[in-house]
């Protein structure tokens, strides 16, 4: 046995990889097509001593008291057909196991989702649709017309990583002004992307839509505060596909209760789903989706295809495009 599929949610391998990609991997390396979980490895360690390559996806074991790397002594590389590797990567780095991730593939649907929401937000879609559904057509029309539309609107992008940059790229066909808040981005780099660098305070005050794409790191926890939401332009929208923990939710909800003109489109919250008594369910200017921005349905195949391509580069002695290093991990979601 030289390679295995490893995840604690065994059905995810067929879901993400699909038979075509599983067969492609099997044509490249001696792989056991069975899917193994943490308990399988712990129950029969001898069986996994010769494993060199690991293919995984959502449900990858790690981050707990037990490190599977102790039971995979000959592991050389881990190919992760999903996004963030933060919770398990450190234990593999300690054993010099190389890791590559399909984070770039997962950025694509998040950016597409975001652009769709931005274009709808500038038409007042969210509030207007509720009014129209309640047969309040005149009010719905007035609400929509109070929004700026998608011509010369100002869009604020917080975080110019893989997703933020993709959003900016997808917005280029529209006549929009892009403002970017990212401490690691220079003025010249922001201009090259097609935007203008600014601080977070200015971005909230001046933009018609603010979209969060910050990395999930300790420094970003609670970065969006009550005063930011208080300063939002009339009829503006906050979109969050980053992490709920980056928002002072109590502060945001207090502002949303007072200001019916602004709204929040949230694909992520601190608790998912929010508690039953949360104001997220009762405020008419809060719009929730159940963490759907990332890869799902047919989109997951893109992640598997990236992993297979990375493995081909690896066995051919070529540089992997999406390899994760310790340094890179520190700035990633």
C-alpha atoms as a PDB file:
ATOM      1  CA  UNK A   1       0.000   0.000   0.000  1.00  0.00           C
ATOM      2  CA  UNK A   2       1.556   3.296  -1.063  1.00  0.00           C
ATOM      3  CA  UNK A   3      -1.461   5.635  -1.002  1.00  0.00           C
ATOM      4  CA  UNK A   4      -4.806   5.829   0.784  1.00  0.00           C
ATOM      5  CA  UNK A   5      -7.959   7.894   0.928  1.00  0.00           C
ATOM      6  CA  UNK A   6      -8.361   9.236   4.473  1.00  0.00           C
ATOM      7  CA  UNK A   7     -11.322  11.073   5.988  1.00  0.00           C
ATOM      8  CA  UNK A   8     -13.619  10.569   8.942  1.00  0.00           C
ATOM      9  CA  UNK A   9     -16.625  11.169   6.652  1.00  0.00           C
ATOM     10  CA  UNK A  10     -16.062   8.339   4.218  1.00  0.00           C
ATOM     11  CA  UNK A  11     -18.819   9.328   1.795  1.00  0.00           C
ATOM     12  CA  UNK A  12     -16.999  12.580   1.064  1.00  0.00           C
ATOM     13  CA  UNK A  13     -14.394  10.835  -1.093  1.00  0.00           C
ATOM     14  CA  UNK A  14     -16.966   9.666  -3.643  1.00  0.00           C
ATOM     15  CA  UNK A  15     -18.788  13.019  -3.378  1.00  0.00           C
ATOM     16  CA  UNK A  16     -15.729  15.202  -3.909  1.00  0.00           C
ATOM     17  CA  UNK A  17     -13.447  13.060  -6.078  1.00  0.00           C
ATOM     18  CA  UNK A  18     -16.002  11.139  -8.117  1.00  0.00           C
ATOM     19  CA  UNK A  19     -15.159   7.865  -9.806  1.00  0.00           C
ATOM     20  CA  UNK A  20     -13.315   9.539 -12.687  1.00  0.00           C
ATOM     21  CA  UNK A  21     -10.757  11.202 -10.410  1.00  0.00           C
ATOM     22  CA  UNK A  22     -10.455   8.127  -8.193  1.00  0.00           C
ATOM     23  CA  UNK A  23      -9.631   6.062 -11.275  1.00  0.00           C
ATOM     24  CA  UNK A  24      -7.169   8.707 -12.473  1.00  0.00           C
ATOM     25  CA  UNK A  25      -5.279   8.549  -9.163  1.00  0.00           C
ATOM     26  CA  UNK A  26      -5.268   4.745  -9.343  1.00  0.00           C
ATOM     27  CA  UNK A  27      -3.660   4.967 -12.785  1.00  0.00           C
ATOM     28  CA  UNK A  28      -0.852   7.080 -11.333  1.00  0.00           C
ATOM     29  CA  UNK A  29      -0.110   5.305  -8.041  1.00  0.00           C
ATOM     30  CA  UNK A  30      -0.767   2.057  -6.208  1.00  0.00           C
ATOM     31  CA  UNK A  31      -3.738   3.165  -4.083  1.00  0.00           C
ATOM     32  CA  UNK A  32      -6.193   1.212  -1.992  1.00  0.00           C
ATOM     33  CA  UNK A  33      -9.602   2.409  -3.223  1.00  0.00           C
ATOM     34  CA  UNK A  34     -11.128   1.782   0.188  1.00  0.00           C
ATOM     35  CA  UNK A  35     -11.690   4.913   2.282  1.00  0.00           C
ATOM     36  CA  UNK A  36     -10.150   4.888   5.764  1.00  0.00           C
ATOM     37  CA  UNK A  37     -10.892   6.951   8.854  1.00  0.00           C
ATOM     38  CA  UNK A  38      -8.944   7.682  12.024  1.00  0.00           C
ATOM     39  CA  UNK A  39     -10.399   4.672  13.855  1.00  0.00           C
ATOM     40  CA  UNK A  40      -9.271   2.347  11.053  1.00  0.00           C
ATOM     41  CA  UNK A  41      -5.692   3.572  11.346  1.00  0.00           C
ATOM     42  CA  UNK A  42      -5.654   3.304  15.132  1.00  0.00           C
ATOM     43  CA  UNK A  43      -7.187  -0.192  15.047  1.00  0.00           C
ATOM     44  CA  UNK A  44      -4.536  -1.643  12.748  1.00  0.00           C
ATOM     45  CA  UNK A  45      -1.399   0.572  12.689  1.00  0.00           C
ATOM     46  CA  UNK A  46       0.735  -2.071  11.004  1.00  0.00           C
ATOM     47  CA  UNK A  47      -1.465  -1.896   7.905  1.00  0.00           C
ATOM     48  CA  UNK A  48      -0.635   1.774   7.326  1.00  0.00           C
ATOM     49  CA  UNK A  49       3.123   1.822   7.980  1.00  0.00           C
ATOM     50  CA  UNK A  50       4.010   1.841   4.291  1.00  0.00           C
ATOM     51  CA  UNK A  51       1.597   4.632   3.289  1.00  0.00           C
ATOM     52  CA  UNK A  52       3.475   7.376   1.465  1.00  0.00           C
ATOM     53  CA  UNK A  53       0.681   9.479  -0.009  1.00  0.00           C
ATOM     54  CA  UNK A  54      -2.608  10.579   1.528  1.00  0.00           C
ATOM     55  CA  UNK A  55      -5.612  11.842  -0.416  1.00  0.00           C
ATOM     56  CA  UNK A  56      -8.271  13.535   1.661  1.00  0.00           C
ATOM     57  CA  UNK A  57     -11.067  16.090   1.726  1.00  0.00           C
ATOM     58  CA  UNK A  58     -13.614  17.425   4.229  1.00  0.00           C
ATOM     59  CA  UNK A  59     -13.487  15.296   7.372  1.00  0.00           C
ATOM     60  CA  UNK A  60      -9.708  14.962   7.420  1.00  0.00           C
ATOM     61  CA  UNK A  61      -8.682  13.759  10.925  1.00  0.00           C
ATOM     62  CA  UNK A  62      -6.479  16.055  12.957  1.00  0.00           C
ATOM     63  CA  UNK A  63      -6.272  18.768  15.541  1.00  0.00           C
ATOM     64  CA  UNK A  64      -7.054  16.461  18.458  1.00  0.00           C
ATOM     65  CA  UNK A  65      -5.048  14.713  21.168  1.00  0.00           C
ATOM     66  CA  UNK A  66      -3.947  11.948  18.799  1.00  0.00           C
ATOM     67  CA  UNK A  67      -1.691  12.660  15.849  1.00  0.00           C
ATOM     68  CA  UNK A  68      -2.114  10.175  13.024  1.00  0.00           C
ATOM     69  CA  UNK A  69       1.318  11.105  11.758  1.00  0.00           C
ATOM     70  CA  UNK A  70       2.684   8.819  14.494  1.00  0.00           C
ATOM     71  CA  UNK A  71       0.922   5.947  12.720  1.00  0.00           C
ATOM     72  CA  UNK A  72       1.956   7.001   9.217  1.00  0.00           C
ATOM     73  CA  UNK A  73       5.759   7.033   9.611  1.00  0.00           C
ATOM     74  CA  UNK A  74       6.516   6.887   5.879  1.00  0.00           C
ATOM     75  CA  UNK A  75       4.076   9.587   4.772  1.00  0.00           C
ATOM     76  CA  UNK A  76       5.641  12.005   2.289  1.00  0.00           C
ATOM     77  CA  UNK A  77       2.786  14.136   1.004  1.00  0.00           C
ATOM     78  CA  UNK A  78      -0.856  14.937   1.715  1.00  0.00           C
ATOM     79  CA  UNK A  79      -3.226  16.020  -1.067  1.00  0.00           C
ATOM     80  CA  UNK A  80      -6.277  17.792   0.368  1.00  0.00           C
ATOM     81  CA  UNK A  81      -9.247  18.260  -1.959  1.00  0.00           C
ATOM     82  CA  UNK A  82     -10.822  21.047   0.080  1.00  0.00           C
ATOM     83  CA  UNK A  83      -9.874  24.463   1.462  1.00  0.00           C
ATOM     84  CA  UNK A  84      -8.424  25.256   4.869  1.00  0.00           C
ATOM     85  CA  UNK A  85      -5.751  22.945   6.301  1.00  0.00           C
ATOM     86  CA  UNK A  86      -5.154  24.994   9.446  1.00  0.00           C
ATOM     87  CA  UNK A  87      -6.445  22.526  11.996  1.00  0.00           C
ATOM     88  CA  UNK A  88      -4.367  19.534  10.902  1.00  0.00           C
ATOM     89  CA  UNK A  89      -1.378  20.933   8.982  1.00  0.00           C
ATOM     90  CA  UNK A  90       0.969  21.622  11.947  1.00  0.00           C
ATOM     91  CA  UNK A  91       1.237  17.966  12.970  1.00  0.00           C
ATOM     92  CA  UNK A  92       2.152  16.986   9.402  1.00  0.00           C
ATOM     93  CA  UNK A  93       4.683  19.789   9.078  1.00  0.00           C
ATOM     94  CA  UNK A  94       6.385  18.433  12.209  1.00  0.00           C
ATOM     95  CA  UNK A  95       7.010  15.175  10.336  1.00  0.00           C
ATOM     96  CA  UNK A  96       8.103  16.985   7.140  1.00  0.00           C
ATOM     97  CA  UNK A  97       5.040  15.843   5.222  1.00  0.00           C
ATOM     98  CA  UNK A  98       4.319  18.157   2.296  1.00  0.00           C
ATOM     99  CA  UNK A  99       0.760  19.451   1.938  1.00  0.00           C
ATOM    100  CA  UNK A 100      -1.145  20.794  -1.017  1.00  0.00           C
ATOM    101  CA  UNK A 101      -4.713  22.080  -0.891  1.00  0.00           C
ATOM    102  CA  UNK A 102      -7.515  22.922  -3.304  1.00  0.00           C
ATOM    103  CA  UNK A 103      -8.068  26.274  -1.598  1.00  0.00           C
ATOM    104  CA  UNK A 104      -7.831  28.025  -4.962  1.00  0.00           C
ATOM    105  CA  UNK A 105     -10.664  25.916  -6.356  1.00  0.00           C
ATOM    106  CA  UNK A 106     -12.837  26.635  -3.336  1.00  0.00           C
ATOM    107  CA  UNK A 107     -12.243  30.369  -3.820  1.00  0.00           C
ATOM    108  CA  UNK A 108     -14.012  30.318  -7.177  1.00  0.00           C
ATOM    109  CA  UNK A 109     -17.599  29.573  -6.021  1.00  0.00           C
ATOM    110  CA  UNK A 110     -17.208  31.886  -3.014  1.00  0.00           C
ATOM    111  CA  UNK A 111     -16.269  34.725  -5.342  1.00  0.00           C
ATOM    112  CA  UNK A 112     -19.103  33.885  -7.729  1.00  0.00           C
ATOM    113  CA  UNK A 113     -21.597  33.834  -4.855  1.00  0.00           C
ATOM    114  CA  UNK A 114     -20.267  37.162  -3.604  1.00  0.00           C
ATOM    115  CA  UNK A 115     -20.498  38.893  -6.964  1.00  0.00           C
ATOM    116  CA  UNK A 116     -24.081  37.695  -7.345  1.00  0.00           C
ATOM    117  CA  UNK A 117     -24.956  39.129  -3.932  1.00  0.00           C
ATOM    118  CA  UNK A 118     -23.212  42.439  -4.673  1.00  0.00           C
ATOM    119  CA  UNK A 119     -25.164  42.961  -7.888  1.00  0.00           C
ATOM    120  CA  UNK A 120     -28.452  42.113  -6.170  1.00  0.00           C
ATOM    121  CA  UNK A 121     -27.667  44.297  -3.159  1.00  0.00           C
ATOM    122  CA  UNK A 122     -27.165  47.389  -5.325  1.00  0.00           C
ATOM    123  CA  UNK A 123     -30.679  46.896  -6.723  1.00  0.00           C
ATOM    124  CA  UNK A 124     -32.205  46.701  -3.234  1.00  0.00           C
ATOM    125  CA  UNK A 125     -33.197  43.138  -4.048  1.00  0.00           C
ATOM    126  CA  UNK A 126     -33.355  41.798  -0.516  1.00  0.00           C
ATOM    127  CA  UNK A 127     -35.679  44.328   1.070  1.00  0.00           C
ATOM    128  CA  UNK A 128     -37.699  44.835  -2.121  1.00  0.00           C
ATOM    129  CA  UNK A 129     -38.341  41.126  -2.560  1.00  0.00           C
ATOM    130  CA  UNK A 130     -39.839  40.856   0.932  1.00  0.00           C
ATOM    131  CA  UNK A 131     -42.119  43.825   0.299  1.00  0.00           C
ATOM    132  CA  UNK A 132     -43.194  42.521  -3.106  1.00  0.00           C
ATOM    133  CA  UNK A 133     -43.976  39.136  -1.565  1.00  0.00           C
ATOM    134  CA  UNK A 134     -46.202  40.970   0.945  1.00  0.00           C
ATOM    135  CA  UNK A 135     -48.033  42.692  -1.968  1.00  0.00           C
ATOM    136  CA  UNK A 136     -46.515  46.044  -1.000  1.00  0.00           C
ATOM    137  CA  UNK A 137     -45.430  46.747  -4.559  1.00  0.00           C
ATOM    138  CA  UNK A 138     -45.167  50.542  -4.304  1.00  0.00           C
ATOM    139  CA  UNK A 139     -42.942  50.286  -1.224  1.00  0.00           C
ATOM    140  CA  UNK A 140     -40.853  47.620  -2.921  1.00  0.00           C
ATOM    141  CA  UNK A 141     -40.315  49.859  -5.934  1.00  0.00           C
ATOM    142  CA  UNK A 142     -39.340  52.823  -3.749  1.00  0.00           C
ATOM    143  CA  UNK A 143     -36.861  50.722  -1.781  1.00  0.00           C
ATOM    144  CA  UNK A 144     -35.214  49.460  -4.939  1.00  0.00           C
ATOM    145  CA  UNK A 145     -34.975  52.948  -6.439  1.00  0.00           C
ATOM    146  CA  UNK A 146     -33.384  54.219  -3.226  1.00  0.00           C
ATOM    147  CA  UNK A 147     -30.427  51.937  -3.886  1.00  0.00           C
ATOM    148  CA  UNK A 148     -27.625  52.978  -6.215  1.00  0.00           C
ATOM    149  CA  UNK A 149     -27.816  50.268  -8.867  1.00  0.00           C
ATOM    150  CA  UNK A 150     -24.755  48.819 -10.572  1.00  0.00           C
ATOM    151  CA  UNK A 151     -23.384  51.887 -12.305  1.00  0.00           C
ATOM    152  CA  UNK A 152     -20.758  53.962 -10.492  1.00  0.00           C
ATOM    153  CA  UNK A 153     -21.494  52.128  -7.235  1.00  0.00           C
ATOM    154  CA  UNK A 154     -18.665  51.859  -4.718  1.00  0.00           C
ATOM    155  CA  UNK A 155     -17.729  48.350  -3.573  1.00  0.00           C
ATOM    156  CA  UNK A 156     -15.570  47.700  -0.516  1.00  0.00           C
ATOM    157  CA  UNK A 157     -13.469  44.526  -0.461  1.00  0.00           C
ATOM    158  CA  UNK A 158     -11.978  43.611   2.918  1.00  0.00           C
ATOM    159  CA  UNK A 159      -9.100  41.194   2.398  1.00  0.00           C
ATOM    160  CA  UNK A 160      -7.308  40.851  -0.931  1.00  0.00           C
ATOM    161  CA  UNK A 161      -6.405  37.196  -0.712  1.00  0.00           C
ATOM    162  CA  UNK A 162      -7.376  34.521  -3.216  1.00  0.00           C
ATOM    163  CA  UNK A 163     -11.118  35.142  -2.858  1.00  0.00           C
ATOM    164  CA  UNK A 164     -11.001  38.932  -2.606  1.00  0.00           C
ATOM    165  CA  UNK A 165      -8.872  39.177  -5.741  1.00  0.00           C
ATOM    166  CA  UNK A 166     -11.187  36.840  -7.607  1.00  0.00           C
ATOM    167  CA  UNK A 167     -14.179  39.002  -6.654  1.00  0.00           C
ATOM    168  CA  UNK A 168     -12.416  42.109  -7.945  1.00  0.00           C
ATOM    169  CA  UNK A 169     -11.578  40.317 -11.205  1.00  0.00           C
ATOM    170  CA  UNK A 170     -15.179  39.163 -11.716  1.00  0.00           C
ATOM    171  CA  UNK A 171     -16.470  42.706 -11.119  1.00  0.00           C
ATOM    172  CA  UNK A 172     -14.303  44.223 -13.860  1.00  0.00           C
ATOM    173  CA  UNK A 173     -17.009  44.070 -16.582  1.00  0.00           C
ATOM    174  CA  UNK A 174     -19.142  46.441 -14.488  1.00  0.00           C
ATOM    175  CA  UNK A 175     -18.598  50.151 -14.027  1.00  0.00           C
ATOM    176  CA  UNK A 176     -17.891  50.076 -10.315  1.00  0.00           C
ATOM    177  CA  UNK A 177     -15.414  51.784  -8.019  1.00  0.00           C
ATOM    178  CA  UNK A 178     -13.452  49.270  -5.960  1.00  0.00           C
ATOM    179  CA  UNK A 179     -12.019  50.158  -2.558  1.00  0.00           C
ATOM    180  CA  UNK A 180      -9.733  47.632  -0.867  1.00  0.00           C
ATOM    181  CA  UNK A 181      -8.795  47.260   2.784  1.00  0.00           C
ATOM    182  CA  UNK A 182      -5.820  44.948   3.282  1.00  0.00           C
ATOM    183  CA  UNK A 183      -2.867  45.810   5.492  1.00  0.00           C
ATOM    184  CA  UNK A 184      -0.537  43.594   3.465  1.00  0.00           C
ATOM    185  CA  UNK A 185      -1.392  45.355   0.192  1.00  0.00           C
ATOM    186  CA  UNK A 186       0.465  48.420  -1.058  1.00  0.00           C
ATOM    187  CA  UNK A 187      -1.198  51.354  -2.817  1.00  0.00           C
ATOM    188  CA  UNK A 188       0.481  50.274  -6.058  1.00  0.00           C
ATOM    189  CA  UNK A 189      -0.720  46.680  -5.706  1.00  0.00           C
ATOM    190  CA  UNK A 190      -4.275  47.835  -5.029  1.00  0.00           C
ATOM    191  CA  UNK A 191      -4.157  49.999  -8.143  1.00  0.00           C
ATOM    192  CA  UNK A 192      -2.848  47.068 -10.200  1.00  0.00           C
ATOM    193  CA  UNK A 193      -5.816  44.995  -9.045  1.00  0.00           C
ATOM    194  CA  UNK A 194      -8.171  47.725 -10.223  1.00  0.00           C
ATOM    195  CA  UNK A 195      -8.969  49.350  -6.901  1.00  0.00           C
ATOM    196  CA  UNK A 196      -7.889  51.937  -4.368  1.00  0.00           C
ATOM    197  CA  UNK A 197      -6.478  51.086  -0.959  1.00  0.00           C
ATOM    198  CA  UNK A 198      -8.176  52.553   2.104  1.00  0.00           C
ATOM    199  CA  UNK A 199      -8.607  51.865   5.806  1.00  0.00           C
ATOM    200  CA  UNK A 200     -11.546  49.970   7.282  1.00  0.00           C
ATOM    201  CA  UNK A 201     -13.229  53.074   8.694  1.00  0.00           C
ATOM    202  CA  UNK A 202     -13.233  54.833   5.327  1.00  0.00           C
ATOM    203  CA  UNK A 203     -14.416  51.729   3.519  1.00  0.00           C
ATOM    204  CA  UNK A 204     -17.493  51.360   5.746  1.00  0.00           C
ATOM    205  CA  UNK A 205     -18.320  55.054   5.518  1.00  0.00           C
ATOM    206  CA  UNK A 206     -18.080  55.348   1.733  1.00  0.00           C
ATOM    207  CA  UNK A 207     -19.063  52.029   0.169  1.00  0.00           C
ATOM    208  CA  UNK A 208     -22.465  50.884  -1.040  1.00  0.00           C
ATOM    209  CA  UNK A 209     -21.514  47.252  -0.412  1.00  0.00           C
ATOM    210  CA  UNK A 210     -18.889  45.946   1.989  1.00  0.00           C
ATOM    211  CA  UNK A 211     -17.785  42.333   1.435  1.00  0.00           C
ATOM    212  CA  UNK A 212     -15.607  40.421   3.907  1.00  0.00           C
ATOM    213  CA  UNK A 213     -12.865  38.103   2.662  1.00  0.00           C
ATOM    214  CA  UNK A 214     -10.410  38.201   5.544  1.00  0.00           C
ATOM    215  CA  UNK A 215      -8.346  35.181   6.541  1.00  0.00           C
ATOM    216  CA  UNK A 216      -9.493  33.301   9.620  1.00  0.00           C
ATOM    217  CA  UNK A 217      -6.633  34.201  11.947  1.00  0.00           C
ATOM    218  CA  UNK A 218      -6.612  35.455  15.565  1.00  0.00           C
ATOM    219  CA  UNK A 219      -5.876  39.036  14.485  1.00  0.00           C
ATOM    220  CA  UNK A 220      -9.179  39.265  12.587  1.00  0.00           C
ATOM    221  CA  UNK A 221     -11.491  38.086  15.387  1.00  0.00           C
ATOM    222  CA  UNK A 222     -14.033  40.821  16.183  1.00  0.00           C
ATOM    223  CA  UNK A 223     -12.514  43.208  13.654  1.00  0.00           C
ATOM    224  CA  UNK A 224     -15.932  44.443  12.468  1.00  0.00           C
ATOM    225  CA  UNK A 225     -17.274  46.504  15.359  1.00  0.00           C
ATOM    226  CA  UNK A 226     -20.529  48.265  16.172  1.00  0.00           C
ATOM    227  CA  UNK A 227     -19.146  51.650  15.113  1.00  0.00           C
ATOM    228  CA  UNK A 228     -18.380  50.304  11.657  1.00  0.00           C
ATOM    229  CA  UNK A 229     -22.011  49.348  11.104  1.00  0.00           C
ATOM    230  CA  UNK A 230     -23.192  52.656  12.558  1.00  0.00           C
ATOM    231  CA  UNK A 231     -21.125  54.490   9.951  1.00  0.00           C
ATOM    232  CA  UNK A 232     -22.500  52.620   6.929  1.00  0.00           C
ATOM    233  CA  UNK A 233     -23.964  54.658   4.088  1.00  0.00           C
ATOM    234  CA  UNK A 234     -27.724  54.868   3.754  1.00  0.00           C
ATOM    235  CA  UNK A 235     -29.120  51.826   1.911  1.00  0.00           C
ATOM    236  CA  UNK A 236     -25.803  49.992   1.981  1.00  0.00           C
ATOM    237  CA  UNK A 237     -25.171  46.266   2.485  1.00  0.00           C
ATOM    238  CA  UNK A 238     -22.677  44.170   4.454  1.00  0.00           C
ATOM    239  CA  UNK A 239     -21.878  40.721   3.010  1.00  0.00           C
ATOM    240  CA  UNK A 240     -20.004  38.109   5.024  1.00  0.00           C
ATOM    241  CA  UNK A 241     -18.623  34.943   3.457  1.00  0.00           C
ATOM    242  CA  UNK A 242     -15.520  35.036   5.690  1.00  0.00           C
ATOM    243  CA  UNK A 243     -16.096  33.962   9.283  1.00  0.00           C
ATOM    244  CA  UNK A 244     -18.771  34.879  11.788  1.00  0.00           C
ATOM    245  CA  UNK A 245     -16.165  35.347  14.532  1.00  0.00           C
ATOM    246  CA  UNK A 246     -14.784  38.349  12.648  1.00  0.00           C
ATOM    247  CA  UNK A 247     -17.974  40.267  13.445  1.00  0.00           C
ATOM    248  CA  UNK A 248     -19.125  41.778  16.740  1.00  0.00           C
ATOM    249  CA  UNK A 249     -22.541  40.206  16.209  1.00  0.00           C
ATOM    250  CA  UNK A 250     -24.218  41.879  19.193  1.00  0.00           C
ATOM    251  CA  UNK A 251     -23.036  45.288  18.034  1.00  0.00           C
ATOM    252  CA  UNK A 252     -24.065  44.621  14.444  1.00  0.00           C
ATOM    253  CA  UNK A 253     -27.531  43.440  15.469  1.00  0.00           C
ATOM    254  CA  UNK A 254     -28.101  46.516  17.622  1.00  0.00           C
ATOM    255  CA  UNK A 255     -27.355  48.756  14.652  1.00  0.00           C
ATOM    256  CA  UNK A 256     -29.512  46.693  12.297  1.00  0.00           C
ATOM    257  CA  UNK A 257     -32.453  46.997  14.702  1.00  0.00           C
ATOM    258  CA  UNK A 258     -32.128  50.786  14.634  1.00  0.00           C
ATOM    259  CA  UNK A 259     -31.319  51.225  10.952  1.00  0.00           C
ATOM    260  CA  UNK A 260     -33.785  49.505   8.650  1.00  0.00           C
ATOM    261  CA  UNK A 261     -32.192  51.040   5.556  1.00  0.00           C
ATOM    262  CA  UNK A 262     -29.022  48.953   5.744  1.00  0.00           C
ATOM    263  CA  UNK A 263     -28.900  45.186   5.571  1.00  0.00           C
ATOM    264  CA  UNK A 264     -26.591  42.234   6.189  1.00  0.00           C
ATOM    265  CA  UNK A 265     -26.254  39.196   3.920  1.00  0.00           C
ATOM    266  CA  UNK A 266     -24.619  36.494   6.010  1.00  0.00           C
ATOM    267  CA  UNK A 267     -23.430  33.118   4.785  1.00  0.00           C
ATOM    268  CA  UNK A 268     -21.517  32.621   8.046  1.00  0.00           C
ATOM    269  CA  UNK A 269     -22.261  33.364  11.705  1.00  0.00           C
ATOM    270  CA  UNK A 270     -20.433  32.658  14.965  1.00  0.00           C
ATOM    271  CA  UNK A 271     -22.775  29.750  15.666  1.00  0.00           C
ATOM    272  CA  UNK A 272     -23.977  27.811  12.646  1.00  0.00           C
ATOM    273  CA  UNK A 273     -26.892  27.728  12.679  1.00  0.00           C
ATOM    274  CA  UNK A 274     -27.589  30.587  15.115  1.00  0.00           C
ATOM    275  CA  UNK A 275     -29.529  29.794  18.290  1.00  0.00           C
ATOM    276  CA  UNK A 276     -33.294  29.561  17.925  1.00  0.00           C
ATOM    277  CA  UNK A 277     -33.879  32.823  19.790  1.00  0.00           C
ATOM    278  CA  UNK A 278     -31.368  34.820  17.744  1.00  0.00           C
ATOM    279  CA  UNK A 279     -32.398  38.162  16.265  1.00  0.00           C
ATOM    280  CA  UNK A 280     -30.903  36.905  13.007  1.00  0.00           C
ATOM    281  CA  UNK A 281     -34.241  35.147  12.424  1.00  0.00           C
ATOM    282  CA  UNK A 282     -36.518  38.076  13.215  1.00  0.00           C
ATOM    283  CA  UNK A 283     -34.818  41.145  11.744  1.00  0.00           C
ATOM    284  CA  UNK A 284     -36.141  41.881   8.261  1.00  0.00           C
ATOM    285  CA  UNK A 285     -32.845  43.405   7.156  1.00  0.00           C
ATOM    286  CA  UNK A 286     -30.816  40.272   7.907  1.00  0.00           C
ATOM    287  CA  UNK A 287     -30.586  37.636   5.179  1.00  0.00           C
ATOM    288  CA  UNK A 288     -29.081  34.241   5.967  1.00  0.00           C
ATOM    289  CA  UNK A 289     -27.752  31.435   3.809  1.00  0.00           C
ATOM    290  CA  UNK A 290     -26.463  28.200   5.421  1.00  0.00           C
ATOM    291  CA  UNK A 291     -22.732  28.429   4.604  1.00  0.00           C
ATOM    292  CA  UNK A 292     -23.291  27.638   0.921  1.00  0.00           C
ATOM    293  CA  UNK A 293     -20.806  30.009  -0.736  1.00  0.00           C
ATOM    294  CA  UNK A 294     -18.059  27.394  -0.959  1.00  0.00           C
ATOM    295  CA  UNK A 295     -17.876  24.385  -3.255  1.00  0.00           C
ATOM    296  CA  UNK A 296     -20.929  22.170  -3.434  1.00  0.00           C
ATOM    297  CA  UNK A 297     -22.686  19.858  -5.911  1.00  0.00           C
ATOM    298  CA  UNK A 298     -20.812  19.827  -9.249  1.00  0.00           C
ATOM    299  CA  UNK A 299     -18.422  22.514  -7.985  1.00  0.00           C
ATOM    300  CA  UNK A 300     -16.590  20.046  -5.733  1.00  0.00           C
ATOM    301  CA  UNK A 301     -15.094  18.290  -8.763  1.00  0.00           C
ATOM    302  CA  UNK A 302     -12.927  21.349  -9.356  1.00  0.00           C
ATOM    303  CA  UNK A 303     -11.211  20.680  -6.007  1.00  0.00           C
ATOM    304  CA  UNK A 304     -10.488  17.061  -6.888  1.00  0.00           C
ATOM    305  CA  UNK A 305      -9.118  18.022 -10.302  1.00  0.00           C
ATOM    306  CA  UNK A 306      -6.663  20.451  -8.703  1.00  0.00           C
ATOM    307  CA  UNK A 307      -5.449  17.751  -6.305  1.00  0.00           C
ATOM    308  CA  UNK A 308      -4.948  15.237  -9.115  1.00  0.00           C
ATOM    309  CA  UNK A 309      -2.999  17.813 -11.129  1.00  0.00           C
ATOM    310  CA  UNK A 310      -0.857  18.604  -8.102  1.00  0.00           C
ATOM    311  CA  UNK A 311      -0.089  14.909  -7.609  1.00  0.00           C
ATOM    312  CA  UNK A 312       0.952  14.609 -11.247  1.00  0.00           C
ATOM    313  CA  UNK A 313       3.327  17.546 -10.788  1.00  0.00           C
ATOM    314  CA  UNK A 314       4.708  15.959  -7.620  1.00  0.00           C
ATOM    315  CA  UNK A 315       5.477  12.547  -9.137  1.00  0.00           C
ATOM    316  CA  UNK A 316       6.989  14.255 -12.197  1.00  0.00           C
ATOM    317  CA  UNK A 317       9.343  16.246  -9.995  1.00  0.00           C
ATOM    318  CA  UNK A 318       7.674  19.555 -10.872  1.00  0.00           C
ATOM    319  CA  UNK A 319       6.855  22.418  -8.518  1.00  0.00           C
ATOM    320  CA  UNK A 320       3.373  22.146  -7.001  1.00  0.00           C
ATOM    321  CA  UNK A 321       1.344  25.307  -7.576  1.00  0.00           C
ATOM    322  CA  UNK A 322      -0.793  25.165  -4.451  1.00  0.00           C
ATOM    323  CA  UNK A 323       1.608  23.736  -1.883  1.00  0.00           C
ATOM    324  CA  UNK A 324       1.089  25.016   1.668  1.00  0.00           C
ATOM    325  CA  UNK A 325       4.144  26.007   3.691  1.00  0.00           C
ATOM    326  CA  UNK A 326       4.389  27.012   7.335  1.00  0.00           C
ATOM    327  CA  UNK A 327       4.856  30.622   6.302  1.00  0.00           C
ATOM    328  CA  UNK A 328       1.907  30.556   3.923  1.00  0.00           C
ATOM    329  CA  UNK A 329      -0.326  28.862   6.476  1.00  0.00           C
ATOM    330  CA  UNK A 330       0.102  31.787   8.881  1.00  0.00           C
ATOM    331  CA  UNK A 331      -1.734  34.148   6.529  1.00  0.00           C
ATOM    332  CA  UNK A 332      -4.395  31.761   5.214  1.00  0.00           C
ATOM    333  CA  UNK A 333      -7.997  31.206   6.227  1.00  0.00           C
END
